Amino acid sequence: MSKQAMREETERLVREAIERRGLTIKQGDTRIDAVCGKCGATNKVTAPKGEHRVRYTCKDCGHAQATL
């Protein structure tokens, strides 16, 4: 099966699922893996829909900062 055929099959299945109303597509919050500017630890930050810069506090050193 070629890539084009697989794409068409996937699109057909999604259309059928939406028509049956068995599939609901929602847009949720975004998870950002931010790196602390002070200690370098990684932090998982949740950003609400439409927000790009989120304020957070590092889980290791407590340094307050914003995501990029």
N, C-alpha and C. Protein backbone atom coordinates (compact mmCIF):
# COMPACT_ATOMS: atom_id res chain seq x y z
N MET A 1 0.85 -1.18 0.00
CA MET A 1 0.00 0.00 0.00
C MET A 1 0.90 1.25 0.00
N SER A 2 0.64 2.14 -0.91
CA SER A 2 1.47 3.35 -1.00
C SER A 2 1.07 4.36 0.07
N LYS A 3 1.92 5.36 0.26
CA LYS A 3 1.63 6.38 1.26
C LYS A 3 0.38 7.15 0.91
N GLN A 4 0.20 7.45 -0.37
CA GLN A 4 -0.99 8.19 -0.81
C GLN A 4 -2.26 7.38 -0.53
N ALA A 5 -2.22 6.08 -0.77
CA ALA A 5 -3.37 5.22 -0.51
C ALA A 5 -3.66 5.17 0.99
N MET A 6 -2.61 5.10 1.81
CA MET A 6 -2.81 5.08 3.27
C MET A 6 -3.43 6.39 3.75
N ARG A 7 -2.95 7.54 3.19
CA ARG A 7 -3.53 8.84 3.56
C ARG A 7 -5.01 8.90 3.21
N GLU A 8 -5.36 8.45 2.00
CA GLU A 8 -6.76 8.46 1.58
C GLU A 8 -7.62 7.57 2.46
N GLU A 9 -7.10 6.41 2.81
CA GLU A 9 -7.83 5.49 3.69
C GLU A 9 -8.04 6.12 5.07
N THR A 10 -7.02 6.76 5.61
CA THR A 10 -7.14 7.42 6.91
C THR A 10 -8.16 8.54 6.86
N GLU A 11 -8.12 9.37 5.83
CA GLU A 11 -9.10 10.45 5.69
C GLU A 11 -10.51 9.91 5.59
N ARG A 12 -10.69 8.82 4.84
CA ARG A 12 -12.01 8.21 4.70
C ARG A 12 -12.52 7.71 6.06
N LEU A 13 -11.65 7.04 6.82
CA LEU A 13 -12.06 6.51 8.11
C LEU A 13 -12.41 7.63 9.09
N VAL A 14 -11.66 8.72 9.08
CA VAL A 14 -11.95 9.85 9.96
C VAL A 14 -13.29 10.47 9.58
N ARG A 15 -13.52 10.67 8.28
CA ARG A 15 -14.81 11.24 7.84
C ARG A 15 -15.98 10.38 8.28
N GLU A 16 -15.84 9.05 8.12
CA GLU A 16 -16.91 8.14 8.52
C GLU A 16 -17.14 8.20 10.03
N ALA A 17 -16.09 8.27 10.81
CA ALA A 17 -16.22 8.32 12.27
C ALA A 17 -16.90 9.62 12.70
N ILE A 18 -16.57 10.72 12.05
CA ILE A 18 -17.19 12.00 12.40
C ILE A 18 -18.66 11.99 12.01
N GLU A 19 -19.00 11.39 10.87
CA GLU A 19 -20.39 11.31 10.45
C GLU A 19 -21.22 10.48 11.43
N ARG A 20 -20.62 9.44 11.99
CA ARG A 20 -21.34 8.61 12.97
C ARG A 20 -21.41 9.28 14.32
N ARG A 21 -20.70 10.37 14.49
CA ARG A 21 -20.61 11.12 15.75
C ARG A 21 -20.02 10.28 16.87
N GLY A 22 -19.23 9.32 16.52
CA GLY A 22 -18.56 8.51 17.52
C GLY A 22 -17.21 9.08 17.90
N LEU A 23 -16.80 10.12 17.18
CA LEU A 23 -15.50 10.70 17.41
C LEU A 23 -15.65 12.19 17.66
N THR A 24 -15.15 12.66 18.79
CA THR A 24 -15.18 14.08 19.11
C THR A 24 -13.74 14.58 19.12
N ILE A 25 -13.48 15.64 18.37
CA ILE A 25 -12.14 16.20 18.31
C ILE A 25 -12.12 17.46 19.17
N LYS A 26 -11.23 17.48 20.16
CA LYS A 26 -11.14 18.62 21.07
C LYS A 26 -9.71 19.15 21.06
N GLN A 27 -9.59 20.43 21.34
CA GLN A 27 -8.28 21.04 21.47
C GLN A 27 -8.06 21.31 22.95
N GLY A 28 -6.98 20.78 23.48
CA GLY A 28 -6.73 20.89 24.90
C GLY A 28 -5.52 21.73 25.24
N ASP A 29 -5.08 21.61 26.47
CA ASP A 29 -3.91 22.35 26.94
C ASP A 29 -2.64 21.78 26.33
N THR A 30 -1.61 22.60 26.29
CA THR A 30 -0.32 22.21 25.72
C THR A 30 0.67 21.93 26.84
N ARG A 31 1.44 20.86 26.68
CA ARG A 31 2.50 20.54 27.65
C ARG A 31 3.82 21.02 27.06
N ILE A 32 4.58 21.78 27.83
CA ILE A 32 5.86 22.32 27.40
C ILE A 32 6.95 21.76 28.31
N ASP A 33 8.00 21.22 27.72
CA ASP A 33 9.17 20.78 28.48
C ASP A 33 10.14 21.95 28.50
N ALA A 34 10.16 22.69 29.62
CA ALA A 34 10.99 23.88 29.75
C ALA A 34 12.26 23.53 30.53
N VAL A 35 13.36 24.17 30.17
CA VAL A 35 14.62 23.98 30.86
C VAL A 35 14.90 25.21 31.71
N CYS A 36 15.22 25.00 32.97
CA CYS A 36 15.48 26.09 33.89
C CYS A 36 16.74 26.84 33.44
N GLY A 37 16.67 28.17 33.46
CA GLY A 37 17.81 28.99 33.07
C GLY A 37 18.88 29.08 34.14
N LYS A 38 18.54 28.69 35.35
CA LYS A 38 19.50 28.79 36.46
C LYS A 38 20.23 27.47 36.71
N CYS A 39 19.45 26.37 36.88
CA CYS A 39 20.09 25.09 37.22
C CYS A 39 20.09 24.08 36.08
N GLY A 40 19.30 24.30 35.03
CA GLY A 40 19.28 23.41 33.87
C GLY A 40 18.36 22.22 33.99
N ALA A 41 17.54 22.17 35.04
CA ALA A 41 16.60 21.06 35.22
C ALA A 41 15.44 21.20 34.24
N THR A 42 14.88 20.07 33.82
CA THR A 42 13.71 20.11 32.94
C THR A 42 12.44 20.16 33.78
N ASN A 43 11.49 20.96 33.33
CA ASN A 43 10.20 21.11 34.00
C ASN A 43 9.10 20.91 32.98
N LYS A 44 8.05 20.19 33.36
CA LYS A 44 6.88 20.03 32.50
C LYS A 44 5.86 21.07 32.91
N VAL A 45 5.53 21.97 31.99
CA VAL A 45 4.62 23.08 32.26
C VAL A 45 3.40 22.93 31.38
N THR A 46 2.20 23.16 31.93
CA THR A 46 0.97 23.12 31.17
C THR A 46 0.58 24.54 30.79
N ALA A 47 0.37 24.75 29.48
CA ALA A 47 -0.03 26.06 28.97
C ALA A 47 -1.46 25.98 28.47
N PRO A 48 -2.36 26.87 28.92
CA PRO A 48 -3.73 26.86 28.41
C PRO A 48 -3.77 27.21 26.93
N LYS A 49 -4.87 26.85 26.30
CA LYS A 49 -5.04 27.10 24.87
C LYS A 49 -4.92 28.59 24.57
N GLY A 50 -4.08 28.95 23.61
CA GLY A 50 -3.91 30.34 23.21
C GLY A 50 -2.77 31.06 23.91
N GLU A 51 -2.19 30.46 24.94
CA GLU A 51 -1.08 31.08 25.66
C GLU A 51 0.24 30.58 25.10
N HIS A 52 1.21 31.48 24.95
CA HIS A 52 2.52 31.09 24.43
C HIS A 52 3.59 31.17 25.52
N ARG A 53 3.51 32.20 26.36
CA ARG A 53 4.48 32.35 27.46
C ARG A 53 3.76 32.11 28.77
N VAL A 54 4.25 31.15 29.53
CA VAL A 54 3.62 30.77 30.79
C VAL A 54 4.63 30.94 31.91
N ARG A 55 4.22 31.57 33.00
CA ARG A 55 5.10 31.72 34.17
C ARG A 55 5.08 30.42 34.96
N TYR A 56 6.27 30.01 35.44
CA TYR A 56 6.37 28.82 36.27
C TYR A 56 7.56 28.96 37.21
N THR A 57 7.62 28.09 38.20
CA THR A 57 8.72 28.05 39.16
C THR A 57 9.42 26.71 39.01
N CYS A 58 10.74 26.74 38.96
CA CYS A 58 11.52 25.51 38.78
C CYS A 58 11.26 24.58 39.96
N LYS A 59 11.08 23.29 39.64
CA LYS A 59 10.79 22.30 40.68
C LYS A 59 12.01 21.98 41.53
N ASP A 60 13.22 22.23 41.00
CA ASP A 60 14.43 21.91 41.75
C ASP A 60 14.96 23.08 42.56
N CYS A 61 15.15 24.25 41.91
CA CYS A 61 15.80 25.37 42.61
C CYS A 61 14.82 26.46 43.02
N GLY A 62 13.58 26.44 42.53
CA GLY A 62 12.59 27.44 42.94
C GLY A 62 12.69 28.76 42.21
N HIS A 63 13.49 28.82 41.14
CA HIS A 63 13.67 30.05 40.37
C HIS A 63 12.42 30.34 39.54
N ALA A 64 11.82 31.54 39.72
CA ALA A 64 10.62 31.93 38.97
C ALA A 64 11.04 32.45 37.60
N GLN A 65 10.33 31.99 36.53
CA GLN A 65 10.67 32.37 35.18
C GLN A 65 9.48 32.15 34.26
N ALA A 66 9.65 32.42 32.96
CA ALA A 66 8.59 32.23 31.97
C ALA A 66 9.12 31.38 30.84
N THR A 67 8.23 30.60 30.22
CA THR A 67 8.62 29.77 29.08
C THR A 67 8.82 30.63 27.85
N LEU A 68 9.54 30.11 26.88
CA LEU A 68 9.74 30.79 25.61
C LEU A 68 8.84 30.27 24.55
